[in-house]
């Protein structure tokens, strides 16, 4: 995973995983009672809205297929993202 950025109510990061043929640029926006995930990969943009950041992220990655989603979500670098999301939720 590349650099993670936290700006305002938004977390930006990049996900990669072995066996996944692309890097995914992700933006998670805290919308108060919902999370908006925007995933950019392979020249396309997938948008998802869900009650949690994890659910929104998972939904935005779904078009990549089950195995790719599992590999990307298993990236240990997501711990840093989880900490940033936790800070945003705690600051509400």
C-alpha atoms as a PDB file:
ATOM      1  CA  UNK A   1       0.000   0.000   0.000  1.00  0.00           C
ATOM      2  CA  UNK A   2       1.242   3.499  -0.792  1.00  0.00           C
ATOM      3  CA  UNK A   3       0.906   6.572   1.373  1.00  0.00           C
ATOM      4  CA  UNK A   4      -2.311   7.015   3.253  1.00  0.00           C
ATOM      5  CA  UNK A   5      -3.761  10.494   3.533  1.00  0.00           C
ATOM      6  CA  UNK A   6      -6.338  11.910   5.912  1.00  0.00           C
ATOM      7  CA  UNK A   7      -7.895  15.235   4.986  1.00  0.00           C
ATOM      8  CA  UNK A   8     -11.049  16.571   6.552  1.00  0.00           C
ATOM      9  CA  UNK A   9     -13.543  13.707   6.639  1.00  0.00           C
ATOM     10  CA  UNK A  10     -11.761  11.745   3.868  1.00  0.00           C
ATOM     11  CA  UNK A  11      -9.204   8.933   3.900  1.00  0.00           C
ATOM     12  CA  UNK A  12      -7.232   8.248   0.692  1.00  0.00           C
ATOM     13  CA  UNK A  13      -5.012   5.249   0.086  1.00  0.00           C
ATOM     14  CA  UNK A  14      -3.895   2.695  -2.491  1.00  0.00           C
ATOM     15  CA  UNK A  15      -4.373  -1.061  -2.199  1.00  0.00           C
ATOM     16  CA  UNK A  16      -2.356  -3.789  -3.888  1.00  0.00           C
ATOM     17  CA  UNK A  17      -2.120  -7.525  -3.342  1.00  0.00           C
ATOM     18  CA  UNK A  18      -0.265 -10.450  -4.918  1.00  0.00           C
ATOM     19  CA  UNK A  19      -2.300 -11.991  -7.696  1.00  0.00           C
ATOM     20  CA  UNK A  20      -4.443  -8.897  -8.237  1.00  0.00           C
ATOM     21  CA  UNK A  21      -3.587  -7.415 -11.608  1.00  0.00           C
ATOM     22  CA  UNK A  22      -3.987  -3.773 -10.659  1.00  0.00           C
ATOM     23  CA  UNK A  23      -3.491  -1.191  -7.936  1.00  0.00           C
ATOM     24  CA  UNK A  24      -6.662   0.320  -6.513  1.00  0.00           C
ATOM     25  CA  UNK A  25      -6.812   3.988  -5.511  1.00  0.00           C
ATOM     26  CA  UNK A  26      -9.448   4.385  -2.797  1.00  0.00           C
ATOM     27  CA  UNK A  27     -11.204   7.337  -1.237  1.00  0.00           C
ATOM     28  CA  UNK A  28     -13.418   6.852   1.845  1.00  0.00           C
ATOM     29  CA  UNK A  29     -15.649   9.796   2.754  1.00  0.00           C
ATOM     30  CA  UNK A  30     -17.345  10.003   6.147  1.00  0.00           C
ATOM     31  CA  UNK A  31     -20.865  11.295   5.437  1.00  0.00           C
ATOM     32  CA  UNK A  32     -22.036  11.159   9.048  1.00  0.00           C
ATOM     33  CA  UNK A  33     -24.391   8.197   9.053  1.00  0.00           C
ATOM     34  CA  UNK A  34     -22.921   6.598   5.900  1.00  0.00           C
ATOM     35  CA  UNK A  35     -19.565   5.988   4.227  1.00  0.00           C
ATOM     36  CA  UNK A  36     -18.914   6.635   0.566  1.00  0.00           C
ATOM     37  CA  UNK A  37     -16.176   4.545  -1.052  1.00  0.00           C
ATOM     38  CA  UNK A  38     -14.748   5.408  -4.450  1.00  0.00           C
ATOM     39  CA  UNK A  39     -12.367   2.829  -5.921  1.00  0.00           C
ATOM     40  CA  UNK A  40     -10.407   3.619  -9.097  1.00  0.00           C
ATOM     41  CA  UNK A  41      -8.821   0.734 -10.997  1.00  0.00           C
ATOM     42  CA  UNK A  42      -8.309  -0.440 -14.560  1.00  0.00           C
ATOM     43  CA  UNK A  43      -9.611   2.855 -15.923  1.00  0.00           C
ATOM     44  CA  UNK A  44     -12.936   2.568 -14.142  1.00  0.00           C
ATOM     45  CA  UNK A  45     -14.467   4.021 -11.018  1.00  0.00           C
ATOM     46  CA  UNK A  46     -16.720   2.066  -8.656  1.00  0.00           C
ATOM     47  CA  UNK A  47     -18.766   3.920  -6.040  1.00  0.00           C
ATOM     48  CA  UNK A  48     -20.471   2.379  -3.020  1.00  0.00           C
ATOM     49  CA  UNK A  49     -22.415   3.716  -0.047  1.00  0.00           C
ATOM     50  CA  UNK A  50     -22.806   1.755   3.199  1.00  0.00           C
ATOM     51  CA  UNK A  51     -23.263   2.109   6.953  1.00  0.00           C
ATOM     52  CA  UNK A  52     -19.598   1.274   7.638  1.00  0.00           C
ATOM     53  CA  UNK A  53     -16.344   2.143   5.902  1.00  0.00           C
ATOM     54  CA  UNK A  54     -15.478  -1.549   5.555  1.00  0.00           C
ATOM     55  CA  UNK A  55     -18.814  -2.399   3.920  1.00  0.00           C
ATOM     56  CA  UNK A  56     -18.513   0.522   1.496  1.00  0.00           C
ATOM     57  CA  UNK A  57     -14.937  -0.475   0.612  1.00  0.00           C
ATOM     58  CA  UNK A  58     -15.906  -4.122   0.102  1.00  0.00           C
ATOM     59  CA  UNK A  59     -18.816  -3.161  -2.153  1.00  0.00           C
ATOM     60  CA  UNK A  60     -16.672  -0.833  -4.243  1.00  0.00           C
ATOM     61  CA  UNK A  61     -14.151  -3.637  -4.809  1.00  0.00           C
ATOM     62  CA  UNK A  62     -16.762  -6.317  -5.614  1.00  0.00           C
ATOM     63  CA  UNK A  63     -16.514  -6.004  -9.423  1.00  0.00           C
ATOM     64  CA  UNK A  64     -12.913  -7.263  -9.159  1.00  0.00           C
ATOM     65  CA  UNK A  65     -14.217 -10.653  -8.033  1.00  0.00           C
ATOM     66  CA  UNK A  66     -14.283 -12.548  -4.752  1.00  0.00           C
ATOM     67  CA  UNK A  67     -10.642 -13.693  -4.728  1.00  0.00           C
ATOM     68  CA  UNK A  68      -9.313 -10.194  -5.488  1.00  0.00           C
ATOM     69  CA  UNK A  69     -11.499  -8.645  -2.769  1.00  0.00           C
ATOM     70  CA  UNK A  70     -10.282 -11.177  -0.199  1.00  0.00           C
ATOM     71  CA  UNK A  71      -6.640 -10.559  -1.164  1.00  0.00           C
ATOM     72  CA  UNK A  72      -6.988  -6.768  -1.071  1.00  0.00           C
ATOM     73  CA  UNK A  73      -8.831  -6.722   2.268  1.00  0.00           C
ATOM     74  CA  UNK A  74      -6.182  -8.997   3.797  1.00  0.00           C
ATOM     75  CA  UNK A  75      -3.477  -6.365   3.194  1.00  0.00           C
ATOM     76  CA  UNK A  76      -1.985  -5.602   6.650  1.00  0.00           C
ATOM     77  CA  UNK A  77      -1.549  -1.967   5.628  1.00  0.00           C
ATOM     78  CA  UNK A  78      -5.317  -1.571   6.080  1.00  0.00           C
ATOM     79  CA  UNK A  79      -4.633  -1.356   9.831  1.00  0.00           C
ATOM     80  CA  UNK A  80      -3.424   2.223   9.280  1.00  0.00           C
ATOM     81  CA  UNK A  81      -6.613   2.982   7.344  1.00  0.00           C
ATOM     82  CA  UNK A  82      -8.706   1.450  10.131  1.00  0.00           C
ATOM     83  CA  UNK A  83      -7.013   3.737  12.663  1.00  0.00           C
ATOM     84  CA  UNK A  84      -7.782   6.783  10.511  1.00  0.00           C
ATOM     85  CA  UNK A  85     -11.425   5.704  10.153  1.00  0.00           C
ATOM     86  CA  UNK A  86     -11.641   5.176  13.905  1.00  0.00           C
ATOM     87  CA  UNK A  87     -10.364   8.738  14.475  1.00  0.00           C
ATOM     88  CA  UNK A  88     -13.004  10.133  12.131  1.00  0.00           C
ATOM     89  CA  UNK A  89     -15.800   8.223  13.869  1.00  0.00           C
ATOM     90  CA  UNK A  90     -14.562   9.220  17.328  1.00  0.00           C
ATOM     91  CA  UNK A  91     -14.497  12.895  16.292  1.00  0.00           C
ATOM     92  CA  UNK A  92     -18.173  12.950  15.264  1.00  0.00           C
END
